[in-house]
N, C-alpha and C. Protein backbone atom coordinates (compact mmCIF):
# COMPACT_ATOMS: atom_id res chain seq x y z
N GLN A 1 3.20 36.94 0.51
CA GLN A 1 3.52 35.91 -0.46
C GLN A 1 3.82 34.60 0.26
N VAL A 2 3.13 33.55 -0.15
CA VAL A 2 3.31 32.25 0.48
C VAL A 2 4.56 31.58 -0.07
N GLN A 3 5.38 31.07 0.82
CA GLN A 3 6.55 30.30 0.41
C GLN A 3 6.70 29.08 1.28
N LEU A 4 6.94 27.96 0.62
CA LEU A 4 7.30 26.72 1.30
C LEU A 4 8.67 26.32 0.75
N VAL A 5 9.65 26.26 1.62
CA VAL A 5 11.02 26.00 1.18
C VAL A 5 11.50 24.71 1.81
N GLU A 6 11.70 23.71 0.95
CA GLU A 6 12.18 22.41 1.42
C GLU A 6 13.71 22.38 1.45
N SER A 7 14.22 21.58 2.35
CA SER A 7 15.67 21.34 2.42
C SER A 7 15.91 19.96 3.00
N GLY A 8 17.14 19.48 2.85
CA GLY A 8 17.52 18.21 3.47
C GLY A 8 17.63 17.04 2.51
N GLY A 9 17.27 17.24 1.25
CA GLY A 9 17.41 16.15 0.30
C GLY A 9 18.85 15.90 -0.05
N GLY A 10 19.08 14.82 -0.78
CA GLY A 10 20.44 14.51 -1.19
C GLY A 10 20.58 13.05 -1.55
N LEU A 11 21.82 12.62 -1.65
CA LEU A 11 22.15 11.25 -2.00
C LEU A 11 22.46 10.47 -0.73
N VAL A 12 21.84 9.32 -0.60
CA VAL A 12 22.07 8.49 0.58
C VAL A 12 22.10 7.04 0.14
N GLN A 13 22.84 6.23 0.85
CA GLN A 13 22.93 4.81 0.53
C GLN A 13 21.71 4.08 1.07
N PRO A 14 21.38 2.95 0.48
CA PRO A 14 20.28 2.14 1.01
C PRO A 14 20.50 1.82 2.48
N GLY A 15 19.41 1.93 3.25
CA GLY A 15 19.50 1.74 4.69
C GLY A 15 19.82 3.00 5.46
N GLY A 16 20.15 4.05 4.76
CA GLY A 16 20.50 5.31 5.41
C GLY A 16 19.29 6.14 5.79
N SER A 17 19.58 7.32 6.32
CA SER A 17 18.53 8.21 6.81
C SER A 17 18.72 9.62 6.27
N LEU A 18 17.62 10.32 6.16
CA LEU A 18 17.61 11.73 5.82
C LEU A 18 16.50 12.40 6.60
N ARG A 19 16.69 13.68 6.86
CA ARG A 19 15.64 14.47 7.49
C ARG A 19 15.32 15.67 6.60
N LEU A 20 14.10 15.69 6.12
CA LEU A 20 13.66 16.81 5.30
C LEU A 20 13.00 17.87 6.19
N SER A 21 13.18 19.11 5.80
CA SER A 21 12.55 20.22 6.50
C SER A 21 11.81 21.08 5.49
N CYS A 22 10.74 21.70 5.94
CA CYS A 22 9.99 22.63 5.10
C CYS A 22 9.62 23.84 5.95
N LEU A 23 10.19 24.96 5.58
CA LEU A 23 9.94 26.21 6.28
C LEU A 23 8.86 26.98 5.54
N ALA A 24 7.80 27.31 6.25
CA ALA A 24 6.67 28.04 5.65
C ALA A 24 6.70 29.51 6.04
N SER A 25 6.35 30.35 5.11
CA SER A 25 6.20 31.77 5.39
C SER A 25 5.01 32.30 4.60
N GLY A 26 4.42 33.38 5.11
CA GLY A 26 3.28 33.96 4.41
C GLY A 26 1.94 33.30 4.74
N ILE A 27 1.96 32.33 5.65
CA ILE A 27 0.72 31.68 6.09
C ILE A 27 0.72 31.60 7.60
N ASP A 28 -0.47 31.44 8.16
CA ASP A 28 -0.56 31.15 9.59
C ASP A 28 -0.44 29.65 9.73
N PHE A 29 0.78 29.22 9.95
CA PHE A 29 1.14 27.81 9.89
C PHE A 29 0.26 26.93 10.79
N ARG A 30 -0.16 27.50 11.90
CA ARG A 30 -0.92 26.72 12.89
C ARG A 30 -2.22 26.16 12.32
N PHE A 31 -2.74 26.81 11.30
CA PHE A 31 -4.05 26.46 10.79
C PHE A 31 -4.00 25.69 9.47
N TYR A 32 -2.84 25.11 9.19
CA TYR A 32 -2.68 24.33 7.97
C TYR A 32 -2.33 22.89 8.30
N THR A 33 -2.99 21.97 7.62
CA THR A 33 -2.52 20.60 7.59
C THR A 33 -1.30 20.55 6.68
N MET A 34 -0.25 19.94 7.16
CA MET A 34 1.00 19.88 6.40
C MET A 34 1.25 18.47 5.91
N GLY A 35 1.81 18.38 4.73
CA GLY A 35 2.06 17.06 4.17
C GLY A 35 3.34 17.02 3.37
N TRP A 36 3.83 15.82 3.19
CA TRP A 36 4.95 15.55 2.30
C TRP A 36 4.45 14.61 1.20
N TYR A 37 4.68 15.01 -0.02
CA TYR A 37 4.37 14.21 -1.19
C TYR A 37 5.68 13.88 -1.90
N ARG A 38 5.62 12.90 -2.76
CA ARG A 38 6.79 12.59 -3.57
C ARG A 38 6.37 12.18 -4.97
N GLN A 39 7.26 12.42 -5.90
CA GLN A 39 7.03 12.04 -7.28
C GLN A 39 8.29 11.43 -7.84
N ALA A 40 8.19 10.14 -8.15
CA ALA A 40 9.31 9.43 -8.75
C ALA A 40 9.23 9.57 -10.27
N PRO A 41 10.34 9.39 -10.96
CA PRO A 41 10.33 9.52 -12.42
C PRO A 41 9.29 8.61 -13.06
N GLY A 42 8.45 9.19 -13.90
CA GLY A 42 7.45 8.41 -14.60
C GLY A 42 6.24 8.02 -13.78
N LYS A 43 6.16 8.53 -12.56
CA LYS A 43 5.04 8.16 -11.70
C LYS A 43 4.27 9.40 -11.26
N GLN A 44 3.08 9.17 -10.77
CA GLN A 44 2.27 10.27 -10.27
C GLN A 44 2.73 10.68 -8.87
N ARG A 45 2.45 11.92 -8.56
CA ARG A 45 2.77 12.40 -7.23
C ARG A 45 1.88 11.67 -6.22
N GLU A 46 2.48 11.26 -5.10
CA GLU A 46 1.72 10.55 -4.09
C GLU A 46 1.98 11.15 -2.71
N LEU A 47 0.96 11.06 -1.87
CA LEU A 47 1.12 11.50 -0.49
C LEU A 47 1.97 10.50 0.28
N VAL A 48 2.96 10.99 0.98
CA VAL A 48 3.81 10.14 1.82
C VAL A 48 3.34 10.19 3.27
N ALA A 49 3.13 11.40 3.75
CA ALA A 49 2.73 11.57 5.15
C ALA A 49 2.08 12.93 5.31
N SER A 50 1.18 13.01 6.26
CA SER A 50 0.56 14.29 6.58
C SER A 50 0.39 14.41 8.08
N ILE A 51 0.29 15.65 8.53
CA ILE A 51 0.09 15.90 9.96
C ILE A 51 -0.94 17.01 10.09
N SER A 52 -1.95 16.73 10.90
CA SER A 52 -3.07 17.65 11.02
C SER A 52 -2.71 18.83 11.91
N ILE A 53 -3.64 19.77 11.98
CA ILE A 53 -3.48 20.93 12.86
C ILE A 53 -3.27 20.47 14.30
N GLY A 54 -3.94 19.41 14.67
CA GLY A 54 -3.84 18.91 16.04
C GLY A 54 -2.67 17.96 16.27
N GLY A 55 -1.92 17.68 15.19
CA GLY A 55 -0.73 16.85 15.36
C GLY A 55 -0.91 15.38 15.03
N ARG A 56 -2.06 15.03 14.49
CA ARG A 56 -2.27 13.62 14.13
C ARG A 56 -1.59 13.34 12.80
N ALA A 57 -0.83 12.26 12.77
CA ALA A 57 -0.04 11.91 11.59
C ALA A 57 -0.67 10.75 10.84
N ASN A 58 -0.54 10.79 9.54
CA ASN A 58 -0.97 9.70 8.67
C ASN A 58 0.15 9.39 7.68
N TYR A 59 0.27 8.12 7.32
CA TYR A 59 1.36 7.70 6.45
C TYR A 59 0.84 6.77 5.36
N VAL A 60 1.49 6.85 4.20
CA VAL A 60 1.26 5.83 3.19
C VAL A 60 1.85 4.53 3.73
N GLU A 61 1.29 3.42 3.32
CA GLU A 61 1.69 2.13 3.88
C GLU A 61 3.19 1.89 3.77
N SER A 62 3.78 2.27 2.67
CA SER A 62 5.20 2.00 2.45
C SER A 62 6.11 2.81 3.37
N ALA A 63 5.58 3.87 3.94
CA ALA A 63 6.37 4.74 4.81
C ALA A 63 6.17 4.43 6.29
N ARG A 64 5.09 3.76 6.59
CA ARG A 64 4.75 3.52 8.00
C ARG A 64 5.85 2.68 8.66
N GLY A 65 6.29 3.15 9.82
CA GLY A 65 7.34 2.45 10.54
C GLY A 65 8.75 2.88 10.18
N ARG A 66 8.90 3.59 9.05
CA ARG A 66 10.22 4.06 8.65
C ARG A 66 10.31 5.60 8.67
N PHE A 67 9.22 6.25 8.35
CA PHE A 67 9.20 7.71 8.28
C PHE A 67 8.41 8.28 9.44
N THR A 68 8.82 9.46 9.88
CA THR A 68 8.09 10.17 10.92
C THR A 68 7.92 11.62 10.51
N ILE A 69 6.68 12.06 10.50
CA ILE A 69 6.40 13.47 10.21
C ILE A 69 6.15 14.19 11.53
N SER A 70 6.64 15.41 11.61
CA SER A 70 6.42 16.22 12.81
C SER A 70 6.34 17.68 12.41
N ARG A 71 5.82 18.48 13.31
CA ARG A 71 5.71 19.91 13.02
C ARG A 71 6.09 20.72 14.25
N ASP A 72 6.65 21.88 13.99
CA ASP A 72 7.00 22.83 15.03
C ASP A 72 6.31 24.14 14.68
N ASN A 73 5.18 24.39 15.30
CA ASN A 73 4.40 25.58 14.95
C ASN A 73 5.15 26.87 15.27
N ALA A 74 5.98 26.84 16.30
CA ALA A 74 6.74 28.04 16.66
C ALA A 74 7.75 28.41 15.58
N LYS A 75 8.22 27.43 14.85
CA LYS A 75 9.19 27.66 13.77
C LYS A 75 8.56 27.60 12.39
N SER A 76 7.24 27.38 12.34
CA SER A 76 6.55 27.26 11.04
C SER A 76 7.25 26.24 10.15
N THR A 77 7.60 25.13 10.71
CA THR A 77 8.39 24.12 10.00
C THR A 77 7.78 22.74 10.20
N VAL A 78 7.78 21.98 9.12
CA VAL A 78 7.38 20.58 9.18
C VAL A 78 8.58 19.75 8.76
N TYR A 79 8.72 18.60 9.39
CA TYR A 79 9.86 17.72 9.16
C TYR A 79 9.39 16.36 8.68
N LEU A 80 10.28 15.68 7.97
CA LEU A 80 10.05 14.29 7.63
C LEU A 80 11.36 13.55 7.89
N GLN A 81 11.36 12.77 8.94
CA GLN A 81 12.51 11.92 9.25
C GLN A 81 12.32 10.61 8.50
N MET A 82 13.29 10.28 7.67
CA MET A 82 13.20 9.08 6.84
C MET A 82 14.34 8.15 7.20
N ASN A 83 14.00 6.96 7.66
CA ASN A 83 14.97 5.95 8.04
C ASN A 83 14.86 4.73 7.15
N ASP A 84 15.91 3.93 7.14
CA ASP A 84 15.91 2.69 6.38
C ASP A 84 15.46 2.92 4.94
N LEU A 85 16.07 3.89 4.31
CA LEU A 85 15.70 4.25 2.95
C LEU A 85 16.08 3.17 1.96
N SER A 86 15.27 3.05 0.93
CA SER A 86 15.52 2.09 -0.14
C SER A 86 15.49 2.82 -1.48
N PRO A 87 16.02 2.20 -2.53
CA PRO A 87 15.98 2.86 -3.85
C PRO A 87 14.57 3.24 -4.28
N GLU A 88 13.58 2.52 -3.80
CA GLU A 88 12.18 2.84 -4.15
C GLU A 88 11.72 4.16 -3.56
N ASP A 89 12.47 4.69 -2.63
CA ASP A 89 12.13 6.00 -2.04
C ASP A 89 12.70 7.16 -2.85
N THR A 90 13.46 6.85 -3.87
CA THR A 90 14.03 7.90 -4.71
C THR A 90 12.92 8.68 -5.40
N ALA A 91 12.93 9.99 -5.21
CA ALA A 91 11.87 10.84 -5.77
C ALA A 91 12.18 12.29 -5.42
N VAL A 92 11.43 13.17 -6.04
CA VAL A 92 11.39 14.56 -5.59
C VAL A 92 10.31 14.66 -4.52
N TYR A 93 10.68 15.19 -3.38
CA TYR A 93 9.75 15.31 -2.25
C TYR A 93 9.27 16.75 -2.15
N TYR A 94 7.96 16.88 -2.07
CA TYR A 94 7.32 18.20 -2.05
C TYR A 94 6.61 18.42 -0.73
N CYS A 95 6.74 19.61 -0.23
CA CYS A 95 6.01 20.04 0.95
C CYS A 95 4.66 20.62 0.51
N ASN A 96 3.62 20.31 1.27
CA ASN A 96 2.28 20.79 0.96
C ASN A 96 1.65 21.39 2.22
N ALA A 97 0.99 22.52 2.03
CA ALA A 97 0.23 23.14 3.11
C ALA A 97 -1.22 23.24 2.64
N ARG A 98 -2.13 22.73 3.44
CA ARG A 98 -3.53 22.67 3.03
C ARG A 98 -4.43 23.31 4.07
N ASN A 99 -5.28 24.18 3.56
CA ASN A 99 -6.30 24.81 4.39
C ASN A 99 -7.58 24.82 3.58
N LEU A 100 -8.67 24.37 4.14
CA LEU A 100 -9.91 24.21 3.39
C LEU A 100 -10.39 25.52 2.79
N ALA A 101 -10.14 26.62 3.46
CA ALA A 101 -10.59 27.91 2.96
C ALA A 101 -9.68 28.46 1.88
N VAL A 102 -8.40 28.11 1.94
CA VAL A 102 -7.42 28.72 1.04
C VAL A 102 -6.98 27.77 -0.06
N GLY A 103 -6.98 26.48 0.24
CA GLY A 103 -6.53 25.51 -0.75
C GLY A 103 -5.13 25.02 -0.47
N ASP A 104 -4.48 24.54 -1.51
CA ASP A 104 -3.16 23.93 -1.40
C ASP A 104 -2.06 24.90 -1.80
N LYS A 105 -0.99 24.83 -1.02
CA LYS A 105 0.25 25.52 -1.36
C LYS A 105 1.35 24.47 -1.47
N TRP A 106 2.28 24.72 -2.40
CA TRP A 106 3.33 23.73 -2.67
C TRP A 106 4.70 24.37 -2.64
N GLY A 107 5.66 23.56 -2.19
CA GLY A 107 7.04 23.97 -2.32
C GLY A 107 7.59 23.56 -3.67
N GLN A 108 8.87 23.88 -3.89
CA GLN A 108 9.50 23.58 -5.17
C GLN A 108 10.04 22.16 -5.23
N GLY A 109 10.17 21.52 -4.09
CA GLY A 109 10.63 20.14 -4.08
C GLY A 109 12.11 20.01 -3.76
N THR A 110 12.45 18.87 -3.18
CA THR A 110 13.84 18.54 -2.90
C THR A 110 14.07 17.09 -3.32
N LEU A 111 15.18 16.86 -3.99
CA LEU A 111 15.44 15.54 -4.56
C LEU A 111 16.10 14.64 -3.54
N VAL A 112 15.53 13.44 -3.41
CA VAL A 112 16.11 12.39 -2.58
C VAL A 112 16.50 11.24 -3.49
N THR A 113 17.76 10.88 -3.46
CA THR A 113 18.26 9.78 -4.27
C THR A 113 18.86 8.74 -3.34
N VAL A 114 18.34 7.53 -3.44
CA VAL A 114 18.84 6.42 -2.62
C VAL A 114 19.55 5.45 -3.55
N SER A 115 20.85 5.39 -3.40
CA SER A 115 21.64 4.58 -4.32
C SER A 115 22.98 4.24 -3.69
N SER A 116 23.48 3.08 -4.05
CA SER A 116 24.81 2.69 -3.58
C SER A 116 25.87 3.06 -4.61
């Protein structure tokens, strides 16, 4: 059974930082592109960052320079370090695992609220 379990969300003040983690089980993590998506109230889910099997990272423009995605294949975990957070970053953040042969797997999401 595939499980992606996110953690690390919460309430943070503008300018603060959070580190999200996503622990994967039931998949061979090494062969999945991992991503973080977010969905703000009333908006569509959007890709925030992704990291390929080889470790190449891609970011949405609004996250570039503030967020860092990384992966630890030995721990089957992907991280999203988020710095200099703003209220516009408030959303539910979802972990995604993608493999062309298997398709997409999703976590349940973790809420990030940026507010003073």
